[in-house]
Amino acid sequence: MRLVEVAVERGSVLDGAWSAEADVLLLGDVSVPPPKILDLIRQHSRRAKPTVLVLGVRDEDEYAIRVLRAGAAGYLTKDHSPRQLVEAIRRVAGGRRYISPGLAQKLVFDLEVSKKAPPHEGLSDREYQVLCMFCTGRAFKDIAMELGLSPKTVGTYRNRILQKLHLKSNAEIMRYGIENHMVR
């Protein structure tokens, strides 16, 4: 089994890692905002190899689910043991999925108590991406440039976010992001 570990840094996408002859790509999200890592996974998830295992610093259930939906084969939270890391690597290299036991327990508990999901879970992936970027105070043109969209399209996403989350202004978007731990 061949393994490649990549720590993605803000502003750089390490495309060379995808062409490496590896079975598993460990993708660390230490300094990458959620939208960037989701795009990176989504862009390359159609490839058979390497499969992606994300080593996350976030304990958020929703973030892990979005990573898995984007195409990652597994998600391991920051509190993993060396044994769990080895198990996760073996599992995803064998074509299966992996989530850390702590995260699995949280997800099952949330289902059992029928916890009401936060409103932002109803957003599309692109809307969620734009929301995260707005929460950090980024300007329309900067968001548009990074996502390869027109500022008008970003404005459309902003309006959908406002409507779906029942917010009225950019300040409320930022407050929402802070209250829901979307800003770090």
Protein backbone atom coordinates (compact mmCIF):
# COMPACT_ATOMS: atom_id res chain seq x y z
CA MET A 1 0.00 0.00 0.00
CA ARG A 2 1.33 3.42 -0.98
CA LEU A 3 0.41 6.49 1.09
CA VAL A 4 0.81 10.21 0.45
CA GLU A 5 0.19 12.87 3.09
CA VAL A 6 -0.59 16.44 2.03
CA ALA A 7 -1.06 19.42 4.29
CA VAL A 8 -2.96 21.87 2.13
CA GLU A 9 -2.00 25.44 2.81
CA ARG A 10 -4.13 28.52 2.25
CA GLY A 11 -3.87 29.65 -1.35
CA SER A 12 -2.19 26.56 -2.73
CA VAL A 13 -3.65 23.40 -4.15
CA LEU A 14 -1.19 20.57 -4.36
CA ASP A 15 -2.32 18.93 -7.57
CA GLY A 16 0.90 16.92 -7.77
CA ALA A 17 -0.31 14.78 -4.88
CA TRP A 18 -3.17 13.50 -7.01
CA SER A 19 -0.80 12.21 -9.65
CA ALA A 20 1.43 10.46 -7.10
CA GLU A 21 1.32 6.70 -7.29
CA ALA A 22 -0.42 6.18 -3.97
CA ASP A 23 -3.41 4.22 -2.76
CA VAL A 24 -4.42 6.69 -0.04
CA LEU A 25 -4.06 10.47 0.17
CA LEU A 26 -4.14 11.87 3.72
CA LEU A 27 -5.48 15.37 3.35
CA GLY A 28 -4.97 17.61 6.38
CA ASP A 29 -7.35 20.56 6.76
CA VAL A 30 -5.24 22.43 9.30
CA SER A 31 -5.21 25.85 7.65
CA VAL A 32 -7.71 25.43 4.85
CA PRO A 33 -11.17 26.97 4.99
CA PRO A 34 -13.95 24.38 4.51
CA PRO A 35 -14.94 25.58 1.03
CA LYS A 36 -11.41 25.14 -0.35
CA ILE A 37 -10.97 21.58 0.91
CA LEU A 38 -14.46 20.59 -0.29
CA ASP A 39 -13.64 21.90 -3.77
CA LEU A 40 -10.32 20.09 -3.76
CA ILE A 41 -11.94 16.77 -2.83
CA ARG A 42 -14.83 17.26 -5.27
CA GLN A 43 -12.49 18.05 -8.18
CA HIS A 44 -10.58 14.82 -7.78
CA SER A 45 -13.17 12.44 -6.32
CA ARG A 46 -13.95 10.95 -9.72
CA ARG A 47 -10.55 9.28 -9.82
CA ALA A 48 -10.17 5.73 -8.61
CA LYS A 49 -6.82 6.39 -6.91
CA PRO A 50 -5.75 7.71 -4.59
CA THR A 51 -8.69 7.54 -2.22
CA VAL A 52 -8.90 10.47 0.18
CA LEU A 53 -8.81 10.30 3.97
CA VAL A 54 -9.25 13.71 5.63
CA LEU A 55 -7.52 14.33 8.93
CA GLY A 56 -9.75 17.04 10.33
CA VAL A 57 -9.13 19.54 13.07
CA ARG A 58 -12.83 20.29 13.22
CA ASP A 59 -15.14 18.15 15.35
CA GLU A 60 -18.22 19.39 13.53
CA ASP A 61 -20.53 16.61 12.39
CA GLU A 62 -21.82 18.63 9.45
CA TYR A 63 -18.35 19.38 8.14
CA ALA A 64 -17.42 15.69 8.19
CA ILE A 65 -20.61 14.79 6.35
CA ARG A 66 -19.91 17.42 3.68
CA VAL A 67 -16.35 16.08 3.27
CA LEU A 68 -17.72 12.56 2.78
CA ARG A 69 -20.40 13.77 0.36
CA ALA A 70 -17.72 15.62 -1.62
CA GLY A 71 -16.03 12.29 -2.28
CA ALA A 72 -13.63 11.57 0.58
CA ALA A 73 -13.53 7.94 1.64
CA GLY A 74 -13.02 8.78 5.29
CA TYR A 75 -12.82 11.43 7.97
CA LEU A 76 -10.76 11.17 11.12
CA THR A 77 -11.07 13.84 13.82
CA LYS A 78 -8.17 15.48 15.61
CA ASP A 79 -8.50 13.24 18.68
CA HIS A 80 -7.54 10.04 16.82
CA SER A 81 -5.00 7.56 18.11
CA PRO A 82 -2.19 6.09 16.00
CA ARG A 83 -4.12 2.79 15.97
CA GLN A 84 -7.23 4.54 14.59
CA LEU A 85 -5.14 6.22 11.89
CA VAL A 86 -3.71 2.88 10.76
CA GLU A 87 -7.20 1.31 10.81
CA ALA A 88 -8.62 4.21 8.79
CA ILE A 89 -5.85 3.99 6.20
CA ARG A 90 -6.31 0.24 5.81
CA ARG A 91 -10.06 0.57 5.53
CA VAL A 92 -10.07 3.26 2.83
CA ALA A 93 -7.22 1.55 0.97
CA GLY A 94 -9.46 -1.54 0.90
CA GLY A 95 -12.24 0.40 -0.79
CA ARG A 96 -14.40 0.99 2.29
CA ARG A 97 -15.35 4.14 4.17
CA TYR A 98 -14.18 5.29 7.58
CA ILE A 99 -15.34 7.79 10.17
CA SER A 100 -13.82 8.05 13.61
CA PRO A 101 -15.67 6.22 16.40
CA GLY A 102 -16.28 9.46 18.31
CA LEU A 103 -17.88 11.08 15.28
CA ALA A 104 -19.95 7.97 14.55
CA GLN A 105 -21.21 8.01 18.14
CA LYS A 106 -22.15 11.70 17.87
CA LEU A 107 -24.02 11.11 14.62
CA VAL A 108 -25.95 8.18 16.06
CA PHE A 109 -26.77 10.16 19.21
CA ASP A 110 -28.01 13.07 17.10
CA LEU A 111 -30.32 10.71 15.19
CA GLU A 112 -31.62 9.15 18.41
CA VAL A 113 -32.58 12.41 20.03
CA SER A 114 -33.95 13.83 16.75
CA LYS A 115 -31.87 16.93 17.18
CA LYS A 116 -33.09 19.71 14.94
CA ALA A 117 -30.50 20.49 12.31
CA PRO A 118 -29.19 24.06 12.05
CA PRO A 119 -30.68 25.99 9.15
CA HIS A 120 -27.41 26.08 7.19
CA GLU A 121 -27.54 22.30 6.75
CA GLY A 122 -30.32 22.93 4.21
CA LEU A 123 -28.00 24.96 1.98
CA SER A 124 -26.51 23.52 -1.18
CA ASP A 125 -22.77 22.88 -1.09
CA ARG A 126 -22.10 26.04 -3.13
CA GLU A 127 -24.35 28.14 -0.88
CA TYR A 128 -22.57 26.72 2.17
CA GLN A 129 -19.23 27.54 0.54
CA VAL A 130 -20.28 31.16 -0.12
CA LEU A 131 -21.70 31.43 3.41
CA CYS A 132 -18.38 30.33 4.94
CA MET A 133 -16.53 32.88 2.84
CA PHE A 134 -18.95 35.69 3.75
CA CYS A 135 -18.58 34.78 7.43
CA THR A 136 -14.91 35.65 7.23
CA GLY A 137 -15.73 39.12 5.90
CA ARG A 138 -14.61 38.49 2.32
CA ALA A 139 -15.81 40.86 -0.40
CA PHE A 140 -18.07 39.80 -3.30
CA LYS A 141 -15.30 40.25 -5.87
CA ASP A 142 -12.81 38.20 -3.82
CA ILE A 143 -15.30 35.36 -3.39
CA ALA A 144 -16.17 35.51 -7.08
CA MET A 145 -12.53 35.41 -8.12
CA GLU A 146 -11.67 32.46 -5.86
CA LEU A 147 -14.70 30.43 -6.94
CA GLY A 148 -14.47 31.36 -10.61
CA LEU A 149 -17.90 33.01 -10.58
CA SER A 150 -19.16 36.45 -11.50
CA PRO A 151 -19.87 38.87 -8.64
CA LYS A 152 -23.52 38.84 -9.78
CA THR A 153 -23.68 35.06 -9.26
CA VAL A 154 -22.14 35.46 -5.80
CA GLY A 155 -24.85 38.06 -5.11
CA THR A 156 -27.48 35.52 -6.15
CA TYR A 157 -26.01 32.97 -3.73
CA ARG A 158 -25.97 35.63 -1.00
CA ASN A 159 -29.65 36.37 -1.60
CA ARG A 160 -30.51 32.65 -1.40
CA ILE A 161 -28.56 32.37 1.86
CA LEU A 162 -30.37 35.38 3.32
CA GLN A 163 -33.72 33.91 2.31
CA LYS A 164 -33.05 30.34 3.50
CA LEU A 165 -31.55 31.44 6.84
CA HIS A 166 -34.10 34.23 7.38
CA LEU A 167 -31.38 36.89 7.62
CA LYS A 168 -31.45 40.49 6.42
CA SER A 169 -27.86 41.73 5.99
CA ASN A 170 -24.19 40.84 5.66
CA ALA A 171 -23.76 41.69 9.34
CA GLU A 172 -26.39 39.08 10.22
CA ILE A 173 -24.60 36.56 8.00
CA MET A 174 -21.37 37.18 9.91
CA ARG A 175 -23.16 36.95 13.28
CA TYR A 176 -24.77 33.69 12.17
CA GLY A 177 -21.36 32.33 11.18
CA ILE A 178 -19.84 33.23 14.53
CA GLU A 179 -22.77 31.78 16.51
CA ASN A 180 -22.58 28.54 14.52
CA HIS A 181 -18.78 28.21 14.77
CA MET A 182 -18.22 28.67 11.05
CA VAL A 183 -15.48 31.25 11.59
CA ARG A 184 -12.14 30.36 13.08
